[in-house]
Amino acid sequence: MAALDAQATADAKAPVLLRTQGLTRRFGGLTAVDSVDFALPEGEIRALIGPNGAGKTTFVSLLSGRIRPSAGRVEFDGRDVTQLKAHARVARGIAYTFQITSIFKAMSARENVMLAAQRRLTQGLLGPSEERLRAEADAALARVGLGSRADEPAGALSYGHQRLLEVAMGLGLAPRLLILDEPTQGLSDEEIAAFIDLVRDIARQSTVLLIEHNMQVVMGLADRITVLDRGAILAEGPPDAIRADEAVQRAYLGG
């Protein structure tokens, strides 16, 4: 499957929200991301998969501004954001849960989400009222299934629920692009089913880029899948095509 053909098809369906051209990141003699051309249309749920060491986390770190590229560019909503730092990309509407949600374990779940919402709503010297922040935090926690845990210290939550708290904090930023890094780790089967419904609901307002190893989640949720291998795009397309792709089977799916 040709990645460029898949990209052209995606471009034709909806306006492209995020695009990379020749995006490259080297660490000494190692090329972690190798001249990646990538296009993510607005409103899509895209899964990013690949074997360990494929460059997935480095790639999304480049998208979010956590690290700078060695070469290439990142465009968001038609504007070059390659040189923008992470906080400036958050302000533009890019939320990467791994980057924005180092939770404060001694604070309540609600207070953690309130901090994220405050970051979005504060302008100039006048910030939002505590009542508004509380209402937005409670709404985000309810969406991820943690409404009843709002007053609990974040550190008392299970690992899986801390991941859901990270998603709630991402929602507190009302992003145009929400990047979720392994969000189902630590969740039960029932919680994973609820998470799938949640992402579908989120996708009504935000574009979603999902890094996930649970292939049932990927195949059941993603509109399209991008497969990275050795820092480059190996294949790109809808779930059925990716499942049948022989190169993907050899590299990742065990076929």
Protein backbone atom coordinates (compact mmCIF):
# COMPACT_ATOMS: atom_id res chain seq x y z
CA MET A 1 0.00 0.00 0.00
CA ALA A 2 1.42 3.34 -0.95
CA ALA A 3 1.40 5.88 1.85
CA LEU A 4 1.28 8.75 -0.61
CA ASP A 5 -1.82 7.36 -2.32
CA ALA A 6 -3.52 7.01 1.05
CA GLN A 7 -2.52 10.55 1.95
CA ALA A 8 -3.97 11.93 -1.27
CA THR A 9 -7.24 10.10 -0.62
CA ALA A 10 -7.42 11.52 2.89
CA ASP A 11 -6.70 15.03 1.61
CA ALA A 12 -9.60 14.81 -0.83
CA LYS A 13 -12.18 13.90 1.82
CA ALA A 14 -11.79 16.73 4.33
CA PRO A 15 -9.61 19.77 4.98
CA VAL A 16 -6.22 18.78 6.35
CA LEU A 17 -5.80 19.97 9.93
CA LEU A 18 -2.27 18.65 10.51
CA ARG A 19 0.46 18.02 7.97
CA THR A 20 4.14 17.15 8.11
CA GLN A 21 6.64 17.40 5.28
CA GLY A 22 9.97 15.61 5.44
CA LEU A 23 9.75 15.51 9.23
CA THR A 24 12.98 14.05 10.61
CA ARG A 25 14.52 13.63 14.04
CA ARG A 26 18.01 12.29 14.64
CA PHE A 27 19.59 11.40 17.95
CA GLY A 28 23.30 11.17 17.21
CA GLY A 29 23.64 8.44 14.60
CA LEU A 30 20.09 7.16 15.11
CA THR A 31 17.28 8.43 12.89
CA ALA A 32 14.14 8.02 15.02
CA VAL A 33 11.80 9.73 12.53
CA ASP A 34 12.83 9.54 8.90
CA SER A 35 11.47 12.15 6.46
CA VAL A 36 7.79 11.55 7.25
CA ASP A 37 5.07 13.09 5.06
CA PHE A 38 1.81 12.83 6.98
CA ALA A 39 -1.65 14.36 6.58
CA LEU A 40 -4.49 14.22 9.11
CA PRO A 41 -7.87 15.50 7.90
CA GLU A 42 -10.09 17.42 10.28
CA GLY A 43 -12.64 15.31 12.14
CA GLU A 44 -10.83 12.00 11.69
CA ILE A 45 -9.91 9.41 14.29
CA ARG A 46 -6.44 8.28 13.22
CA ALA A 47 -4.53 5.47 14.92
CA LEU A 48 -0.74 5.42 14.89
CA ILE A 49 0.71 1.94 15.36
CA GLY A 50 4.01 0.15 14.93
CA PRO A 51 6.45 -2.13 16.70
CA ASN A 52 8.40 -0.95 19.72
CA GLY A 53 11.10 1.47 18.61
CA ALA A 54 9.22 2.44 15.45
CA GLY A 55 9.37 6.15 16.36
CA LYS A 56 5.74 6.73 17.39
CA THR A 57 6.39 8.69 20.58
CA THR A 58 9.16 10.72 18.95
CA PHE A 59 6.82 11.53 16.06
CA VAL A 60 4.00 12.83 18.25
CA SER A 61 6.52 14.68 20.40
CA LEU A 62 7.55 16.51 17.24
CA LEU A 63 3.90 17.26 16.48
CA SER A 64 3.26 18.66 19.94
CA GLY A 65 6.48 20.67 20.19
CA ARG A 66 8.06 18.68 23.01
CA ILE A 67 11.15 18.23 20.84
CA ARG A 68 12.43 20.03 17.74
CA PRO A 69 12.94 18.33 14.37
CA SER A 70 16.33 17.85 12.75
CA ALA A 71 14.67 18.61 9.42
CA GLY A 72 11.24 19.10 7.88
CA ARG A 73 8.19 21.05 8.96
CA VAL A 74 4.89 20.76 10.82
CA GLU A 75 1.79 22.63 9.68
CA PHE A 76 -1.38 23.03 11.72
CA ASP A 77 -4.51 24.52 10.22
CA GLY A 78 -2.46 25.72 7.25
CA ARG A 79 0.18 27.51 9.33
CA ASP A 80 3.80 26.54 9.90
CA VAL A 81 4.20 25.72 13.60
CA THR A 82 7.58 23.99 13.33
CA GLN A 83 9.36 26.51 15.54
CA LEU A 84 6.57 26.97 18.09
CA LYS A 85 7.15 25.60 21.57
CA ALA A 86 4.74 23.17 23.19
CA HIS A 87 2.75 25.76 25.15
CA ALA A 88 2.22 27.83 22.00
CA ARG A 89 0.91 24.78 20.17
CA VAL A 90 -1.47 24.10 23.05
CA ALA A 91 -2.76 27.64 22.59
CA ARG A 92 -3.30 26.89 18.89
CA GLY A 93 -5.36 23.82 19.77
CA ILE A 94 -2.94 20.86 19.90
CA ALA A 95 -3.23 18.84 23.11
CA TYR A 96 -0.93 15.87 23.74
CA THR A 97 -1.98 14.15 26.93
CA PHE A 98 1.53 12.92 27.74
CA GLN A 99 2.81 16.48 27.48
CA ILE A 100 0.07 18.41 29.24
CA THR A 101 -0.93 16.10 32.02
CA SER A 102 1.78 15.42 34.52
CA ILE A 103 -0.84 15.01 37.21
CA PHE A 104 -0.43 16.55 40.64
CA LYS A 105 -1.03 13.51 42.81
CA ALA A 106 -1.77 15.41 46.02
CA MET A 107 -4.46 17.49 44.32
CA SER A 108 -7.95 16.22 43.64
CA ALA A 109 -8.98 14.97 40.24
CA ARG A 110 -11.17 18.06 39.89
CA GLU A 111 -8.33 20.43 40.74
CA ASN A 112 -6.09 18.80 38.13
CA VAL A 113 -8.68 19.36 35.41
CA MET A 114 -9.36 22.90 36.65
CA LEU A 115 -5.69 23.72 36.08
CA ALA A 116 -5.93 22.58 32.47
CA ALA A 117 -9.13 24.56 31.89
CA GLN A 118 -7.57 27.63 33.51
CA ARG A 119 -4.67 27.42 31.11
CA ARG A 120 -7.09 27.67 28.19
CA LEU A 121 -9.43 30.30 29.63
CA THR A 122 -7.02 32.73 31.28
CA GLN A 123 -6.49 35.84 29.19
CA GLY A 124 -4.64 38.96 30.29
CA LEU A 125 -5.04 39.80 33.97
CA LEU A 126 -8.62 38.57 34.29
CA GLY A 127 -9.00 34.84 34.55
CA PRO A 128 -12.14 32.71 34.65
CA SER A 129 -14.15 32.40 37.84
CA GLU A 130 -13.62 29.40 40.08
CA GLU A 131 -17.26 28.48 39.52
CA ARG A 132 -16.74 28.25 35.77
CA LEU A 133 -13.53 26.25 36.15
CA ARG A 134 -15.23 23.86 38.54
CA ALA A 135 -18.17 23.38 36.18
CA GLU A 136 -15.89 22.67 33.20
CA ALA A 137 -13.77 20.27 35.25
CA ASP A 138 -16.80 18.37 36.50
CA ALA A 139 -18.17 18.11 32.96
CA ALA A 140 -14.86 16.71 31.65
CA LEU A 141 -14.60 14.22 34.51
CA ALA A 142 -18.15 13.05 33.89
CA ARG A 143 -17.38 12.47 30.22
CA VAL A 144 -14.51 10.10 31.05
CA GLY A 145 -16.45 8.27 33.76
CA LEU A 146 -14.72 9.85 36.76
CA GLY A 147 -17.50 12.14 37.90
CA SER A 148 -17.89 10.31 41.20
CA ARG A 149 -14.13 10.48 41.87
CA ALA A 150 -13.75 14.25 41.44
CA ASP A 151 -12.85 14.93 45.07
CA GLU A 152 -10.35 12.10 45.42
CA PRO A 153 -6.61 12.80 45.32
CA ALA A 154 -5.30 12.02 41.86
CA GLY A 155 -2.59 9.85 43.38
CA ALA A 156 -5.24 7.60 44.97
CA LEU A 157 -6.71 6.70 41.58
CA SER A 158 -5.71 3.46 39.90
CA TYR A 159 -3.24 3.67 37.03
CA GLY A 160 -6.02 3.21 34.49
CA HIS A 161 -8.10 5.94 36.09
CA GLN A 162 -5.11 8.25 36.12
CA ARG A 163 -4.94 7.76 32.35
CA LEU A 164 -8.61 8.71 32.12
CA LEU A 165 -7.83 11.76 34.25
CA GLU A 166 -5.21 12.71 31.67
CA VAL A 167 -7.89 12.51 28.97
CA ALA A 168 -10.18 14.71 31.08
CA MET A 169 -7.37 17.25 31.41
CA GLY A 170 -6.95 17.18 27.65
CA LEU A 171 -10.68 17.83 27.25
CA GLY A 172 -10.31 20.77 29.63
CA LEU A 173 -8.22 22.44 26.94
CA ALA A 174 -11.03 22.08 24.34
CA PRO A 175 -8.46 21.11 21.68
CA ARG A 176 -8.94 20.95 17.94
CA LEU A 177 -6.47 18.04 17.89
CA LEU A 178 -6.27 15.62 20.81
CA ILE A 179 -3.30 13.24 20.81
CA LEU A 180 -3.82 10.25 23.10
CA ASP A 181 -0.78 8.14 23.99
CA GLU A 182 -1.68 4.58 25.12
CA PRO A 183 -4.86 5.73 26.90
CA THR A 184 -6.32 2.25 27.50
CA GLN A 185 -3.37 0.93 29.52
CA GLY A 186 -4.64 -0.28 32.87
CA LEU A 187 -8.32 -0.21 31.92
CA SER A 188 -10.68 -3.15 32.31
CA ASP A 189 -12.57 -4.54 29.32
CA GLU A 190 -15.69 -2.69 30.45
CA GLU A 191 -13.76 0.56 30.81
CA ILE A 192 -12.19 0.07 27.37
CA ALA A 193 -15.65 -0.30 25.82
CA ALA A 194 -16.70 2.95 27.51
CA PHE A 195 -13.48 4.61 26.32
CA ILE A 196 -14.24 3.68 22.70
CA ASP A 197 -17.63 5.37 23.03
CA LEU A 198 -15.92 8.37 24.62
CA VAL A 199 -13.46 8.83 21.75
CA ARG A 200 -16.28 8.63 19.22
CA ASP A 201 -18.04 11.36 21.16
CA ILE A 202 -14.86 13.48 21.37
CA ALA A 203 -14.42 13.16 17.61
CA ARG A 204 -17.61 15.16 17.09
CA GLN A 205 -15.71 18.26 18.19
CA SER A 206 -12.03 17.34 17.89
CA THR A 207 -9.71 15.46 15.58
CA VAL A 208 -8.10 12.51 17.39
CA LEU A 209 -4.67 10.95 16.91
CA LEU A 210 -4.40 7.75 18.93
CA ILE A 211 -1.24 5.80 19.76
CA GLU A 212 -2.44 2.40 20.90
CA HIS A 213 -1.18 -1.17 21.15
CA ASN A 214 -4.59 -2.76 21.77
CA MET A 215 -5.42 -3.84 18.22
CA GLN A 216 -9.07 -4.48 19.02
CA VAL A 217 -9.36 -0.83 20.04
CA VAL A 218 -7.45 0.33 16.97
CA MET A 219 -9.42 -1.75 14.48
CA GLY A 220 -12.76 -0.93 16.07
CA LEU A 221 -12.21 2.79 16.52
CA ALA A 222 -9.92 4.27 13.88
CA ASP A 223 -11.17 5.72 10.60
CA ARG A 224 -7.67 5.25 9.22
CA ILE A 225 -4.42 3.78 10.51
CA THR A 226 -0.84 4.92 9.95
CA VAL A 227 1.83 2.28 10.52
CA LEU A 228 5.33 3.41 11.44
CA ASP A 229 8.35 1.14 11.13
CA ARG A 230 11.93 2.22 11.70
CA GLY A 231 10.87 5.86 11.74
CA ALA A 232 9.10 5.83 8.37
CA ILE A 233 5.53 5.26 7.22
CA LEU A 234 5.18 1.64 6.21
CA ALA A 235 1.48 1.74 5.31
CA GLU A 236 -1.60 3.90 5.68
CA GLY A 237 -5.27 3.18 5.14
CA PRO A 238 -8.56 1.96 6.62
CA PRO A 239 -8.48 -0.86 9.19
CA ASP A 240 -9.41 -3.66 6.76
CA ALA A 241 -6.65 -2.70 4.36
CA ILE A 242 -4.07 -2.49 7.14
CA ARG A 243 -5.12 -5.86 8.53
CA ALA A 244 -4.62 -7.43 5.08
CA ASP A 245 -1.34 -5.67 4.27
CA GLU A 246 1.45 -8.26 4.07
CA ALA A 247 4.20 -5.79 4.93
CA VAL A 248 2.32 -4.74 8.07
CA GLN A 249 1.77 -8.37 9.02
CA ARG A 250 5.48 -9.08 8.74
CA ALA A 251 6.54 -5.98 10.65
CA TYR A 252 3.90 -5.76 13.35
CA LEU A 253 0.83 -7.97 13.31
CA GLY A 254 2.71 -11.26 13.39
CA GLY A 255 1.44 -12.57 10.08
